[in-house]
Amino acid sequence: MSFPVPAAASLIQVGQSGTIERFTNESLAGKLLDIGVRPGSRLRVIRKSPFGGSWYVKIDRQCLALRKKELACIMVK
């Protein structure tokens, strides 16, 4: 699913996907870039933990577990 305007990745429901457009937090952006999360990559939410603390996502061909605050700084379209 694509979004008409950029939205935070933490708003995506399980099973939905989008394209990473940019990051809103510079310090977290550095960490995300180090682990291979790049603008232009395809992000898909696989599942959420029961209390929403961590999210399991697939970015291009790699699977990652990210905290909600990390996911919230990723803007997708």
Protein backbone atom coordinates (compact mmCIF):
# COMPACT_ATOMS: atom_id res chain seq x y z
CA MET A 1 0.00 0.00 0.00
CA SER A 2 1.36 3.44 -0.76
CA PHE A 3 0.45 6.56 1.17
CA PRO A 4 -0.43 9.82 -0.63
CA VAL A 5 1.58 11.87 1.88
CA PRO A 6 4.51 10.66 3.98
CA ALA A 7 3.42 9.01 7.23
CA ALA A 8 5.35 7.59 10.17
CA ALA A 9 6.12 3.89 9.73
CA SER A 10 4.73 3.27 13.23
CA LEU A 11 1.25 4.00 11.80
CA ILE A 12 1.43 1.12 9.30
CA GLN A 13 -0.70 -1.90 10.13
CA VAL A 14 0.62 -5.47 10.12
CA GLY A 15 0.87 -6.72 6.55
CA GLN A 16 1.04 -3.25 4.99
CA SER A 17 4.11 -1.82 3.32
CA GLY A 18 5.50 1.44 2.02
CA THR A 19 8.64 3.02 0.61
CA ILE A 20 10.99 4.79 3.01
CA GLU A 21 11.19 8.46 2.11
CA ARG A 22 13.22 10.08 4.91
CA PHE A 23 14.03 10.13 8.64
CA THR A 24 12.85 12.71 11.18
CA ASN A 25 15.51 12.14 13.87
CA GLU A 26 19.16 12.63 12.92
CA SER A 27 20.65 10.57 15.75
CA LEU A 28 18.39 7.59 15.05
CA ALA A 29 18.87 8.07 11.30
CA GLY A 30 22.60 7.38 11.73
CA LYS A 31 21.88 4.11 13.52
CA LEU A 32 19.28 3.08 10.96
CA LEU A 33 21.62 3.83 8.06
CA ASP A 34 24.33 1.74 9.76
CA ILE A 35 22.06 -1.32 9.85
CA GLY A 36 21.01 -0.91 6.21
CA VAL A 37 17.75 1.04 6.44
CA ARG A 38 17.94 3.48 3.52
CA PRO A 39 15.56 5.94 1.84
CA GLY A 40 14.04 4.25 -1.20
CA SER A 41 13.91 0.84 0.51
CA ARG A 42 10.64 -1.08 0.77
CA LEU A 43 9.40 -1.53 4.37
CA ARG A 44 6.80 -4.13 5.35
CA VAL A 45 5.46 -4.66 8.88
CA ILE A 46 5.50 -8.39 9.67
CA ARG A 47 4.25 -8.33 13.28
CA LYS A 48 4.14 -6.30 16.50
CA SER A 49 4.97 -7.44 20.00
CA PRO A 50 1.93 -7.86 22.29
CA PHE A 51 2.49 -4.56 24.10
CA GLY A 52 3.85 -2.64 21.11
CA GLY A 53 7.42 -2.33 22.39
CA SER A 54 9.12 -3.80 19.35
CA TRP A 55 8.06 -4.40 15.76
CA TYR A 56 9.30 -7.03 13.35
CA VAL A 57 9.76 -5.50 9.89
CA LYS A 58 11.17 -6.57 6.56
CA ILE A 59 13.21 -3.93 4.75
CA ASP A 60 14.08 -4.99 1.22
CA ARG A 61 15.43 -8.52 1.86
CA GLN A 62 16.43 -8.27 5.52
CA CYS A 63 14.26 -8.74 8.60
CA LEU A 64 14.77 -6.48 11.62
CA ALA A 65 13.25 -5.91 15.04
CA LEU A 66 12.88 -2.17 15.71
CA ARG A 67 11.62 -0.22 18.70
CA LYS A 68 8.53 1.90 18.21
CA LYS A 69 10.53 5.16 18.59
CA GLU A 70 12.91 4.00 15.83
CA LEU A 71 10.02 3.13 13.56
CA ALA A 72 8.28 6.44 14.33
CA CYS A 73 11.20 8.42 12.88
CA ILE A 74 10.94 6.60 9.52
CA MET A 75 8.65 8.40 7.09
CA VAL A 76 7.09 6.19 4.40
CA LYS A 77 5.00 6.90 1.33
